[in-house]
Structure formats: C-alpha cells, structure tokens
N, C-alpha and C. Protein backbone atom coordinates (compact mmCIF):
# COMPACT_ATOMS: atom_id res chain seq x y z
N MET A 1 14.79 -35.94 22.78
CA MET A 1 15.44 -35.61 21.48
C MET A 1 15.80 -34.00 21.62
N LYS A 2 16.94 -33.66 21.58
CA LYS A 2 16.87 -32.22 22.20
C LYS A 2 16.72 -31.26 20.04
N LEU A 3 16.01 -30.29 20.00
CA LEU A 3 15.48 -30.05 18.67
C LEU A 3 16.86 -29.41 18.34
N ASN A 4 18.14 -28.85 18.86
CA ASN A 4 19.43 -28.86 17.96
C ASN A 4 19.48 -29.46 16.77
N HIS A 5 19.08 -30.97 17.15
CA HIS A 5 19.28 -31.68 16.01
C HIS A 5 18.25 -31.39 14.84
N PHE A 6 17.93 -31.32 14.65
CA PHE A 6 16.56 -30.84 13.97
C PHE A 6 16.91 -29.64 13.44
N LEU A 7 16.99 -28.37 13.77
CA LEU A 7 17.53 -27.64 13.51
C LEU A 7 18.54 -27.44 12.18
N PRO A 8 19.77 -27.72 12.21
CA PRO A 8 19.91 -27.75 11.00
C PRO A 8 19.22 -27.76 9.28
N ALA A 9 18.59 -28.76 9.83
CA ALA A 9 17.67 -29.61 8.64
C ALA A 9 16.63 -28.83 8.22
N LEU A 10 15.84 -28.46 9.36
CA LEU A 10 15.13 -26.62 9.06
C LEU A 10 15.52 -26.24 8.27
N CYS A 11 16.48 -25.29 8.84
CA CYS A 11 17.18 -24.17 8.23
C CYS A 11 17.20 -24.29 6.54
N LEU A 12 17.88 -25.97 6.13
CA LEU A 12 17.78 -26.35 4.79
C LEU A 12 16.43 -25.95 3.85
N LEU A 13 15.48 -25.97 4.92
CA LEU A 13 14.19 -26.33 3.81
C LEU A 13 13.17 -24.57 3.47
N VAL A 14 13.76 -24.19 4.67
CA VAL A 14 13.54 -22.32 4.47
C VAL A 14 14.63 -21.67 3.70
N PRO A 15 13.95 -20.93 2.79
CA PRO A 15 15.24 -19.77 2.02
C PRO A 15 15.56 -18.74 3.45
N LEU A 16 16.27 -18.41 3.36
CA LEU A 16 16.26 -17.20 4.16
C LEU A 16 15.67 -15.68 3.05
N PRO A 17 15.76 -14.65 3.64
CA PRO A 17 15.15 -12.87 2.10
C PRO A 17 16.62 -13.28 1.83
N GLY A 18 16.02 -13.03 0.45
CA GLY A 18 17.07 -12.69 -0.63
C GLY A 18 17.48 -14.07 -1.35
N MET A 19 17.91 -15.15 -0.44
CA MET A 19 18.37 -16.13 -1.03
C MET A 19 17.85 -16.73 -2.08
N ALA A 20 18.87 -17.05 -3.41
CA ALA A 20 17.72 -17.84 -4.72
C ALA A 20 17.29 -18.97 -4.34
N VAL A 21 16.20 -19.40 -4.90
CA VAL A 21 15.58 -20.92 -4.91
C VAL A 21 15.38 -21.32 -5.90
N ALA A 22 16.07 -22.35 -5.92
CA ALA A 22 16.03 -23.57 -7.29
C ALA A 22 14.36 -23.95 -7.31
N PHE A 23 14.06 -24.12 -9.03
CA PHE A 23 12.72 -24.98 -8.96
C PHE A 23 12.62 -25.79 -10.04
N ALA A 24 13.93 -26.23 -9.97
CA ALA A 24 13.95 -27.61 -10.96
C ALA A 24 13.29 -28.69 -10.64
N ASN A 25 12.78 -28.99 -11.75
CA ASN A 25 11.61 -30.11 -11.43
C ASN A 25 10.10 -29.73 -10.75
N LEU A 26 10.10 -28.29 -11.03
CA LEU A 26 9.07 -28.06 -10.45
C LEU A 26 7.82 -27.59 -11.68
N ALA A 27 6.36 -27.75 -11.07
CA ALA A 27 5.73 -27.08 -12.08
C ALA A 27 5.78 -25.59 -12.12
N VAL A 28 5.46 -25.00 -13.65
CA VAL A 28 4.96 -23.44 -13.67
C VAL A 28 4.33 -23.20 -12.60
N SER A 29 4.17 -22.03 -11.46
CA SER A 29 2.84 -21.38 -11.10
C SER A 29 3.30 -19.88 -10.46
N ALA A 30 2.95 -19.08 -10.20
CA ALA A 30 3.06 -17.80 -9.92
C ALA A 30 4.29 -17.66 -9.10
N GLU A 31 4.22 -18.53 -8.34
CA GLU A 31 5.54 -18.32 -7.15
C GLU A 31 7.23 -19.13 -8.42
N THR A 32 6.85 -19.81 -8.80
CA THR A 32 8.25 -20.07 -9.53
C THR A 32 8.32 -19.07 -10.60
N VAL A 33 7.84 -18.51 -11.00
CA VAL A 33 7.84 -17.49 -12.50
C VAL A 33 8.63 -16.22 -11.90
N ARG A 34 8.24 -15.80 -10.35
CA ARG A 34 8.73 -14.81 -9.83
C ARG A 34 10.14 -15.40 -9.79
N ASN A 35 10.59 -16.53 -9.74
CA ASN A 35 12.31 -17.15 -9.02
C ASN A 35 12.93 -17.79 -10.16
N ILE A 36 13.07 -17.19 -11.14
CA ILE A 36 13.46 -18.04 -12.41
C ILE A 36 14.70 -17.03 -12.93
N GLY A 37 15.49 -17.64 -13.82
CA GLY A 37 16.21 -16.65 -14.33
C GLY A 37 14.83 -16.11 -16.03
N TYR A 38 15.35 -14.90 -16.39
CA TYR A 38 14.91 -14.81 -17.49
C TYR A 38 16.00 -13.78 -18.86
N HIS A 39 16.00 -13.82 -19.66
CA HIS A 39 17.17 -13.09 -21.02
C HIS A 39 16.26 -11.99 -21.23
N PRO A 40 16.79 -10.74 -20.52
CA PRO A 40 16.44 -9.60 -21.17
C PRO A 40 15.79 -9.56 -23.06
N ALA A 41 14.87 -8.74 -23.68
CA ALA A 41 15.29 -8.60 -25.03
C ALA A 41 16.21 -7.74 -25.54
N VAL A 42 16.75 -8.23 -26.19
CA VAL A 42 18.17 -7.01 -26.83
C VAL A 42 17.16 -5.39 -27.50
N PRO A 43 18.11 -4.63 -26.80
CA PRO A 43 17.58 -3.49 -27.33
C PRO A 43 17.26 -3.17 -28.63
N GLY A 44 16.29 -2.42 -28.83
CA GLY A 44 15.86 -1.97 -30.40
C GLY A 44 15.50 -3.42 -31.08
N SER A 45 15.26 -4.63 -30.88
CA SER A 45 14.42 -5.98 -31.32
C SER A 45 13.06 -6.60 -30.51
N PRO A 46 12.12 -5.93 -30.99
CA PRO A 46 11.01 -6.75 -30.01
C PRO A 46 10.69 -7.68 -29.43
N ASP A 47 11.48 -8.85 -30.36
CA ASP A 47 11.38 -10.44 -29.85
C ASP A 47 12.95 -11.45 -29.33
N GLN A 48 13.77 -10.38 -30.14
CA GLN A 48 15.05 -11.21 -29.82
C GLN A 48 15.83 -11.32 -28.69
N MET A 49 15.77 -12.20 -27.83
CA MET A 49 16.57 -12.28 -26.36
C MET A 49 17.75 -12.27 -26.42
N GLU A 50 18.10 -11.26 -24.98
CA GLU A 50 19.70 -11.39 -25.16
C GLU A 50 20.21 -12.84 -24.32
N VAL A 51 21.55 -13.50 -24.92
CA VAL A 51 21.93 -14.73 -23.89
C VAL A 51 21.88 -14.77 -22.88
N ARG A 52 22.24 -13.83 -21.82
CA ARG A 52 22.46 -14.34 -20.96
C ARG A 52 21.66 -13.90 -19.71
N THR A 53 21.34 -13.89 -18.65
CA THR A 53 20.19 -14.88 -17.75
C THR A 53 20.34 -13.90 -16.67
N ILE A 54 19.45 -13.30 -16.20
CA ILE A 54 19.31 -12.67 -15.30
C ILE A 54 17.97 -13.26 -13.86
N ARG A 55 18.75 -13.62 -13.26
CA ARG A 55 17.37 -14.82 -11.85
C ARG A 55 16.94 -13.59 -10.76
N LEU A 56 15.54 -13.82 -11.54
CA LEU A 56 14.83 -13.06 -10.27
C LEU A 56 14.94 -14.05 -8.66
N VAL A 57 14.98 -13.10 -7.35
CA VAL A 57 14.57 -13.74 -5.97
C VAL A 57 13.16 -13.40 -5.81
N GLN A 58 12.02 -13.57 -6.13
CA GLN A 58 11.32 -13.01 -5.30
C GLN A 58 10.22 -12.13 -5.90
N GLY A 59 10.41 -12.34 -7.47
CA GLY A 59 10.17 -11.08 -8.29
C GLY A 59 10.90 -10.09 -8.60
N LEU A 60 12.41 -10.18 -8.43
CA LEU A 60 12.64 -9.09 -8.30
C LEU A 60 14.41 -8.85 -8.38
N TYR A 61 15.14 -8.40 -9.31
CA TYR A 61 16.79 -8.12 -9.17
C TYR A 61 16.96 -7.01 -9.36
N GLU A 62 18.13 -6.25 -8.85
CA GLU A 62 18.60 -5.10 -8.91
C GLU A 62 19.66 -4.72 -8.58
N LYS A 63 20.68 -4.62 -9.86
CA LYS A 63 22.45 -4.56 -8.79
C LYS A 63 22.64 -2.80 -9.23
N GLY A 64 23.42 -2.28 -8.40
CA GLY A 64 23.70 -0.88 -8.18
C GLY A 64 22.69 -0.38 -7.21
N ARG A 65 22.83 1.00 -7.86
CA ARG A 65 22.35 2.20 -7.24
C ARG A 65 21.63 2.80 -8.35
N ARG A 66 19.89 2.90 -8.71
CA ARG A 66 20.03 3.93 -9.56
C ARG A 66 20.14 5.56 -9.30
N LEU A 67 20.97 6.14 -11.07
CA LEU A 67 21.17 7.40 -10.90
C LEU A 67 22.69 7.66 -10.17
N VAL A 68 23.11 6.53 -9.51
CA VAL A 68 24.30 6.55 -9.05
C VAL A 68 25.62 5.74 -10.15
N ASP A 69 25.49 4.38 -10.45
CA ASP A 69 26.24 3.66 -10.33
C ASP A 69 26.11 3.53 -12.17
N GLN A 70 26.54 3.66 -13.11
CA GLN A 70 26.65 3.55 -14.49
C GLN A 70 25.77 1.98 -15.06
N ASP A 71 26.50 1.11 -14.25
CA ASP A 71 26.45 -0.21 -14.49
C ASP A 71 24.69 -0.43 -13.92
N TYR A 72 24.45 0.26 -13.58
CA TYR A 72 22.74 -0.07 -12.66
C TYR A 72 21.70 -1.36 -13.80
N GLU A 73 21.18 -1.86 -13.25
CA GLU A 73 19.82 -3.29 -13.57
C GLU A 73 19.22 -2.99 -12.94
N PHE A 74 17.89 -3.54 -13.05
CA PHE A 74 16.83 -3.50 -12.55
C PHE A 74 15.86 -4.16 -13.63
N LEU A 75 14.98 -5.65 -12.87
CA LEU A 75 14.10 -6.38 -13.55
C LEU A 75 13.03 -7.05 -12.33
N ARG A 76 12.02 -6.65 -12.72
CA ARG A 76 10.43 -6.68 -11.56
C ARG A 76 10.07 -7.48 -12.42
N ALA A 77 9.54 -8.77 -11.91
CA ALA A 77 7.87 -9.20 -12.44
C ALA A 77 6.30 -8.34 -12.29
N GLY A 78 5.82 -8.37 -12.76
CA GLY A 78 5.04 -7.90 -12.49
C GLY A 78 3.45 -9.22 -12.83
N GLN A 79 2.57 -8.83 -13.74
CA GLN A 79 1.04 -9.61 -13.28
C GLN A 79 1.62 -10.99 -14.39
N ILE A 80 1.11 -11.81 -13.74
CA ILE A 80 1.19 -12.61 -14.33
C ILE A 80 -0.37 -13.72 -14.91
N ALA A 81 -0.34 -14.58 -15.95
CA ALA A 81 -1.16 -15.43 -16.09
C ALA A 81 -1.00 -16.77 -16.81
N LEU A 82 -1.87 -17.83 -15.66
CA LEU A 82 -1.19 -18.93 -16.20
C LEU A 82 -2.36 -19.62 -16.92
N GLY A 83 -1.44 -20.90 -17.81
CA GLY A 83 -2.84 -21.39 -18.82
C GLY A 83 -1.89 -22.37 -19.37
N ASP A 84 -2.76 -23.49 -20.44
CA ASP A 84 -1.73 -24.30 -21.33
C ASP A 84 -1.29 -23.31 -22.36
N LEU A 85 -0.11 -22.96 -22.50
CA LEU A 85 -0.18 -22.18 -23.96
C LEU A 85 0.25 -23.23 -25.14
N ASP A 86 1.44 -24.13 -25.01
CA ASP A 86 1.26 -24.84 -25.79
C ASP A 86 1.06 -26.41 -26.38
N GLY A 87 0.20 -26.19 -25.61
CA GLY A 87 -0.73 -27.84 -25.75
C GLY A 87 -0.53 -29.12 -25.09
N ASP A 88 0.90 -29.06 -24.09
CA ASP A 88 1.03 -30.23 -23.72
C ASP A 88 0.47 -30.80 -22.59
N GLY A 89 -0.73 -29.95 -22.29
CA GLY A 89 -1.58 -30.10 -20.35
C GLY A 89 -0.78 -29.67 -19.50
N ASP A 90 0.39 -29.19 -19.57
CA ASP A 90 1.33 -28.83 -18.52
C ASP A 90 0.53 -27.03 -18.20
N THR A 91 0.49 -26.46 -17.46
CA THR A 91 0.71 -25.13 -16.95
C THR A 91 1.96 -24.50 -17.64
N ASP A 92 1.87 -23.24 -17.56
CA ASP A 92 2.81 -22.43 -18.58
C ASP A 92 2.08 -20.93 -18.31
N ALA A 93 2.99 -20.02 -18.57
CA ALA A 93 2.97 -18.79 -17.80
C ALA A 93 3.09 -17.19 -18.96
N ALA A 94 2.34 -16.17 -19.12
CA ALA A 94 2.81 -15.27 -19.27
C ALA A 94 3.13 -14.33 -18.20
N VAL A 95 4.45 -13.11 -18.50
CA VAL A 95 4.37 -12.77 -17.15
C VAL A 95 5.04 -11.38 -17.82
N ILE A 96 4.47 -10.27 -17.24
CA ILE A 96 5.10 -8.69 -17.81
C ILE A 96 6.39 -8.73 -16.78
N LEU A 97 7.19 -8.46 -17.55
CA LEU A 97 8.44 -7.96 -16.78
C LEU A 97 9.32 -6.11 -16.78
N TYR A 98 9.57 -5.83 -16.09
CA TYR A 98 10.28 -4.33 -16.44
C TYR A 98 10.95 -4.46 -16.23
N TYR A 99 11.78 -3.81 -17.43
CA TYR A 99 13.72 -4.21 -16.63
C TYR A 99 13.80 -2.66 -17.43
N MET A 100 15.12 -2.08 -16.26
CA MET A 100 15.80 -1.02 -17.20
C MET A 100 17.67 -1.42 -16.62
N LYS A 101 18.48 -0.73 -17.71
CA LYS A 101 19.83 -0.72 -17.56
C LYS A 101 19.87 0.53 -18.12
N GLY A 102 20.68 0.98 -16.70
CA GLY A 102 21.01 2.61 -17.27
C GLY A 102 19.86 3.31 -17.08
N ASP A 103 19.87 3.80 -18.16
CA ASP A 103 18.82 5.01 -17.76
C ASP A 103 17.49 4.57 -19.24
N ARG A 104 17.83 3.53 -19.71
CA ARG A 104 16.77 2.62 -20.90
C ARG A 104 16.15 1.90 -19.78
N LYS A 105 14.41 2.27 -20.23
CA LYS A 105 13.58 1.33 -19.63
C LYS A 105 12.61 0.33 -20.59
N SER A 106 12.13 -0.61 -20.33
CA SER A 106 11.07 -0.83 -21.34
C SER A 106 9.96 -1.78 -20.23
N THR A 107 8.84 -2.17 -21.19
CA THR A 107 8.06 -3.65 -20.48
C THR A 107 8.34 -4.42 -21.96
N GLN A 108 8.68 -5.55 -20.74
CA GLN A 108 8.24 -6.87 -21.64
C GLN A 108 7.62 -8.38 -21.68
N LEU A 109 6.71 -8.39 -22.48
CA LEU A 109 5.87 -9.72 -22.30
C LEU A 109 6.46 -11.00 -22.55
N ALA A 110 7.23 -11.66 -21.39
CA ALA A 110 7.87 -13.33 -21.48
C ALA A 110 6.71 -14.60 -21.23
N VAL A 111 7.60 -15.09 -21.88
CA VAL A 111 6.46 -16.01 -21.93
C VAL A 111 7.58 -17.60 -21.26
N VAL A 112 7.34 -18.79 -20.09
CA VAL A 112 7.67 -19.62 -19.51
C VAL A 112 6.98 -20.43 -19.14
N LEU A 113 7.37 -21.56 -20.17
CA LEU A 113 6.97 -23.06 -20.07
C LEU A 113 7.74 -24.10 -19.41
N ASP A 114 6.38 -24.85 -19.51
CA ASP A 114 6.95 -26.13 -18.30
C ASP A 114 7.87 -26.89 -19.01
N THR A 115 8.94 -27.32 -19.19
CA THR A 115 9.87 -28.05 -19.78
C THR A 115 10.47 -29.48 -19.56
N LYS A 116 9.43 -29.58 -18.37
CA LYS A 116 9.56 -30.98 -17.69
C LYS A 116 10.87 -31.33 -16.19
N GLY A 117 11.47 -30.22 -16.78
CA GLY A 117 12.55 -30.11 -15.89
C GLY A 117 12.44 -29.05 -15.37
N GLY A 118 11.19 -28.27 -15.39
CA GLY A 118 10.86 -26.80 -14.95
C GLY A 118 10.97 -25.43 -15.47
N PRO A 119 10.66 -24.68 -15.04
CA PRO A 119 9.85 -23.75 -16.12
C PRO A 119 11.50 -23.03 -16.20
N ALA A 120 11.07 -22.56 -17.48
CA ALA A 120 12.22 -21.98 -19.00
C ALA A 120 11.84 -20.77 -19.23
N HIS A 121 12.30 -19.57 -19.25
CA HIS A 121 11.39 -18.60 -20.22
C HIS A 121 12.21 -18.87 -21.74
N VAL A 122 11.35 -19.01 -22.74
CA VAL A 122 11.40 -19.51 -23.74
C VAL A 122 11.34 -18.50 -25.10
N ALA A 123 10.33 -17.19 -24.76
CA ALA A 123 10.18 -16.23 -26.14
C ALA A 123 9.89 -14.89 -24.82
N SER A 124 10.26 -13.77 -24.92
CA SER A 124 9.89 -12.26 -24.96
C SER A 124 9.54 -10.91 -26.56
N ARG A 125 8.74 -10.39 -26.28
CA ARG A 125 8.07 -9.72 -26.81
C ARG A 125 8.51 -7.73 -25.85
N ALA A 126 9.37 -6.99 -26.36
CA ALA A 126 9.40 -6.19 -25.55
C ALA A 126 8.48 -5.22 -26.39
N PHE A 127 8.33 -4.05 -25.53
CA PHE A 127 7.76 -2.50 -25.92
C PHE A 127 8.11 -1.39 -26.20
N ILE A 128 7.92 -0.45 -26.21
CA ILE A 128 8.66 0.68 -26.50
C ILE A 128 8.59 1.43 -24.87
N GLU A 129 9.29 2.50 -24.81
CA GLU A 129 9.38 3.14 -23.56
C GLU A 129 8.00 3.39 -23.07
N GLY A 130 7.43 3.69 -21.68
CA GLY A 130 6.15 4.17 -21.79
C GLY A 130 5.15 3.34 -21.55
N THR A 131 5.53 1.68 -22.34
CA THR A 131 4.01 1.18 -22.40
C THR A 131 4.00 0.71 -20.88
N GLU A 132 2.41 0.69 -20.82
CA GLU A 132 2.05 0.05 -19.81
C GLU A 132 0.69 -1.10 -19.82
N VAL A 133 0.98 -2.05 -18.99
CA VAL A 133 -0.38 -3.09 -19.21
C VAL A 133 -1.25 -3.16 -18.57
N MET A 134 -2.14 -3.30 -18.67
CA MET A 134 -3.50 -3.34 -17.80
C MET A 134 -4.13 -4.36 -17.68
N ALA A 135 -3.98 -5.27 -19.19
CA ALA A 135 -4.62 -6.68 -19.09
C ALA A 135 -3.87 -8.00 -19.55
N LEU A 136 -3.51 -9.31 -19.15
CA LEU A 136 -2.48 -9.83 -19.67
C LEU A 136 -3.68 -11.15 -19.68
N LYS A 137 -3.86 -12.22 -20.78
CA LYS A 137 -4.22 -13.23 -20.45
C LYS A 137 -3.84 -14.33 -21.85
N LEU A 138 -3.83 -15.33 -21.42
CA LEU A 138 -2.71 -16.46 -22.48
C LEU A 138 -4.34 -17.83 -22.67
N GLY A 139 -4.21 -18.31 -23.77
CA GLY A 139 -5.06 -19.04 -24.63
C GLY A 139 -4.73 -20.23 -25.29
N ARG A 140 -5.55 -21.08 -25.83
CA ARG A 140 -5.30 -21.81 -26.87
C ARG A 140 -6.65 -22.22 -27.77
N PRO A 141 -7.02 -20.82 -28.17
CA PRO A 141 -8.55 -20.67 -28.76
C PRO A 141 -8.37 -21.59 -30.62
N PHE A 142 -9.26 -21.63 -30.92
CA PHE A 142 -9.89 -22.24 -32.41
C PHE A 142 -9.33 -21.46 -33.71
N VAL A 143 -8.28 -21.36 -34.45
CA VAL A 143 -8.07 -20.36 -35.40
C VAL A 143 -8.28 -21.43 -36.50
N ARG A 144 -8.57 -20.86 -37.98
CA ARG A 144 -8.55 -21.17 -39.24
C ARG A 144 -7.27 -21.23 -39.45
N ASP A 145 -6.47 -22.22 -40.11
CA ASP A 145 -5.34 -21.97 -40.75
C ASP A 145 -5.34 -21.75 -42.18
N PRO A 146 -4.22 -20.78 -42.61
CA PRO A 146 -4.88 -20.58 -43.99
C PRO A 146 -4.46 -21.30 -44.90
N LYS A 147 -3.60 -22.01 -44.43
CA LYS A 147 -3.31 -23.15 -45.58
C LYS A 147 -3.75 -24.00 -45.81
N THR A 148 -4.34 -24.88 -45.05
CA THR A 148 -5.16 -26.21 -45.22
C THR A 148 -6.91 -25.79 -44.99
N GLY A 149 -7.55 -24.48 -44.76
CA GLY A 149 -8.43 -23.91 -44.07
C GLY A 149 -9.16 -24.92 -42.87
N MET A 150 -8.51 -25.41 -42.49
CA MET A 150 -8.89 -26.29 -41.06
C MET A 150 -8.99 -25.54 -39.86
N LEU A 151 -9.71 -26.02 -38.91
CA LEU A 151 -9.65 -25.55 -37.85
C LEU A 151 -8.77 -26.20 -36.75
N CYS A 152 -8.04 -25.14 -36.17
CA CYS A 152 -7.00 -25.84 -35.05
C CYS A 152 -6.36 -24.78 -33.95
N ARG A 153 -6.10 -25.48 -33.18
CA ARG A 153 -6.03 -25.10 -31.86
C ARG A 153 -4.51 -24.23 -31.84
N VAL A 154 -4.39 -22.99 -31.54
CA VAL A 154 -3.36 -22.25 -31.30
C VAL A 154 -2.84 -21.25 -30.50
N GLY A 155 -1.60 -21.26 -29.62
CA GLY A 155 -1.67 -20.99 -27.92
C GLY A 155 -1.32 -19.36 -28.26
N VAL A 156 -1.51 -18.34 -27.84
CA VAL A 156 -1.70 -17.26 -27.83
C VAL A 156 -1.60 -15.99 -26.66
N VAL A 157 -0.82 -14.91 -26.46
CA VAL A 157 -1.28 -14.22 -25.34
C VAL A 157 -1.80 -12.96 -25.80
N SER A 158 -2.47 -12.46 -25.02
CA SER A 158 -3.08 -11.13 -25.30
C SER A 158 -2.80 -9.98 -23.65
N VAL A 159 -2.74 -8.64 -24.73
CA VAL A 159 -2.43 -7.85 -23.48
C VAL A 159 -2.73 -6.40 -23.94
N GLU A 160 -2.94 -5.96 -22.60
CA GLU A 160 -4.34 -4.08 -23.08
C GLU A 160 -3.46 -3.33 -22.26
N VAL A 161 -2.91 -2.65 -23.59
CA VAL A 161 -1.51 -2.09 -23.26
C VAL A 161 -1.97 -0.22 -23.61
N SER A 162 -1.22 0.48 -22.91
CA SER A 162 -1.38 2.14 -23.24
C SER A 162 0.40 2.71 -23.37
N ASN A 163 -0.22 4.24 -23.74
CA ASN A 163 1.23 4.77 -23.90
C ASN A 163 0.86 6.11 -23.84
N GLU A 164 1.34 6.96 -22.62
CA GLU A 164 0.89 8.02 -22.99
C GLU A 164 2.00 8.89 -23.78
N THR A 165 3.14 8.79 -23.86
CA THR A 165 3.66 9.10 -24.54
C THR A 165 3.02 9.24 -26.36
N CYS A 166 2.51 8.15 -26.93
CA CYS A 166 2.21 7.58 -28.37
C CYS A 166 0.49 7.83 -28.12
N CYS A 167 -0.24 8.20 -29.45
CA CYS A 167 -1.38 7.87 -28.97
C CYS A 167 -2.57 8.78 -28.22
N ASN A 168 -2.04 9.63 -27.18
CA ASN A 168 -2.73 10.29 -26.11
C ASN A 168 -3.32 9.19 -25.42
N GLY A 169 -2.25 8.56 -24.85
CA GLY A 169 -2.32 7.36 -23.91
C GLY A 169 -3.56 6.33 -24.14
N GLN A 170 -4.25 6.12 -25.26
CA GLN A 170 -5.66 5.56 -25.65
C GLN A 170 -5.09 3.82 -25.62
N GLY A 171 -5.77 3.22 -25.25
CA GLY A 171 -5.30 1.98 -24.66
C GLY A 171 -5.61 0.96 -26.34
N LYS A 172 -4.94 -0.23 -26.37
CA LYS A 172 -5.26 -1.38 -27.37
C LYS A 172 -4.89 -2.65 -26.94
N THR A 173 -5.84 -3.49 -27.46
CA THR A 173 -5.49 -4.79 -27.07
C THR A 173 -4.97 -5.38 -27.91
N MET A 174 -3.78 -6.30 -27.94
CA MET A 174 -2.86 -6.81 -29.02
C MET A 174 -2.54 -8.15 -28.53
N THR A 175 -2.71 -8.77 -29.99
CA THR A 175 -2.64 -10.11 -29.50
C THR A 175 -1.49 -11.03 -29.97
N TYR A 176 -0.63 -12.12 -29.75
CA TYR A 176 0.43 -12.76 -30.71
C TYR A 176 -0.06 -14.24 -29.96
N ARG A 177 0.79 -14.46 -31.37
CA ARG A 177 0.62 -16.27 -31.31
C ARG A 177 1.84 -16.52 -31.00
N PHE A 178 1.97 -17.88 -29.86
CA PHE A 178 3.14 -18.49 -29.58
C PHE A 178 3.36 -19.35 -30.85
N GLU A 179 4.29 -19.37 -31.87
CA GLU A 179 4.49 -20.06 -32.31
C GLU A 179 6.35 -20.40 -32.72
N ALA A 180 6.99 -21.50 -32.57
CA ALA A 180 8.15 -21.69 -32.33
C ALA A 180 9.00 -21.58 -31.45
N ASN A 181 8.49 -20.65 -30.60
CA ASN A 181 9.01 -20.60 -29.31
C ASN A 181 9.46 -18.90 -29.03
N ARG A 182 9.02 -18.18 -30.20
CA ARG A 182 8.49 -16.63 -30.81
C ARG A 182 7.18 -16.12 -30.45
N LEU A 183 6.58 -14.88 -30.11
CA LEU A 183 5.55 -14.40 -29.55
C LEU A 183 5.43 -13.11 -31.18
N VAL A 184 4.23 -14.09 -31.93
CA VAL A 184 4.50 -13.41 -33.68
C VAL A 184 3.08 -12.71 -33.19
N GLY A 185 3.33 -11.63 -33.94
CA GLY A 185 2.32 -10.24 -34.24
C GLY A 185 2.76 -8.86 -34.23
N GLN A 186 2.21 -8.03 -34.62
CA GLN A 186 2.95 -6.52 -34.88
C GLN A 186 3.08 -5.01 -33.53
N ASP A 187 3.57 -4.65 -33.37
CA ASP A 187 4.02 -4.05 -32.08
C ASP A 187 2.98 -2.77 -31.77
N PRO A 188 2.34 -2.59 -30.74
CA PRO A 188 1.19 -2.21 -30.63
C PRO A 188 1.38 -0.46 -31.44
N PHE A 189 2.87 0.03 -30.56
CA PHE A 189 2.81 1.18 -30.81
C PHE A 189 4.21 1.51 -31.38
N PRO A 190 4.47 2.55 -32.43
CA PRO A 190 5.39 2.67 -33.28
C PRO A 190 7.05 2.69 -32.56
N ARG A 191 7.83 2.24 -32.91
CA ARG A 191 9.06 2.56 -32.24
C ARG A 191 9.92 3.79 -33.03
C-alpha cells in the first residue's frame, strides 16, 4: 500500500495551527475550554453576558491590530480550575478571561458546564479594569440554607484578586455562589 492513500485521512485528524477544533460531545477539560465560544460580559454590568459568541482557538482570539484598528478585539483564556460545580457528577470549569475591545480592558470569570453536548459557557463575572487574579478554585461545600436551616451542597467559585488602582493593590478572596446559571456575590472593588 502507498502512504498517499492514508495521508488525506491523517490530515483530517490533526488540526493545523489556527484552525478551530470542534469539541461537541467531549467532556470539559483544560483543552476543551481553550477552544470553545465565550460571551463577553456586557460593559457596565458585572454579570450580564453578550449574545454574540467569540470562539477561542488554542486559548486566544484576536481581531484587528491593537492601537491601529478601531474595532480591535482580544480575548485570552488564563487560569482554569476544574471540578463539579453543578453537582451532576461531570467535570465543569471556572476560567479567567482577559478581554479587550478598543481601549476597554476587563478581567472576567467564566463558568463552563458539561452539558452532555459538550462544554458550554453559561455564566460570567466581570471585574473592574486592572484586576489581577492570583488564585482560582471551585467546589461544592456544605452550606446552611437560610430558609430551611438544612445543610446542602452549593457550587462556589473562589478567586483571589488584587487591583493596583484600588485599595493599594491589597488582595481579597471573593466567593461566588453558582445559582441558576449566575455567579452571585459582591464585586471585590468599587466600580
């Protein structure tokens, strides 16, 4: 047999650099969350997401040239924490996103769930410009339900953040509850 007969099939299995990879029906992993679509947070709203989708390829998206094009846009995946956030037994992820559109910059916390159809970005939290994330983790600790008094497991994402322009760069740890596809909690720094 000639090798040429197998070459087209091999090329289909190995993506070329810059080529988008579809991760439908794959579990959430560090690789898959670097290659899916995200909805940036709406400017001025800490947890409302845009309808449009920006697809990352190998953890990065860039449109235009910075400081040259007015419609410049950049999105990059940073730290990733894996675990079961929604309690269904499947791996989910918390992802730090660095987003820039024009001259606006933000650091965003994104939640990606395993939806049985593949990884899906379902919730975001945007922080003010200049916010740095030092640590990220997710889990399902027991908490007491304020209505019933019963202990129950709740999905939470914790971030250790600092901001040079606010609070003299002093760090804070913020914990957000994951409820109804939202990250519920206070902003670490005033807007």
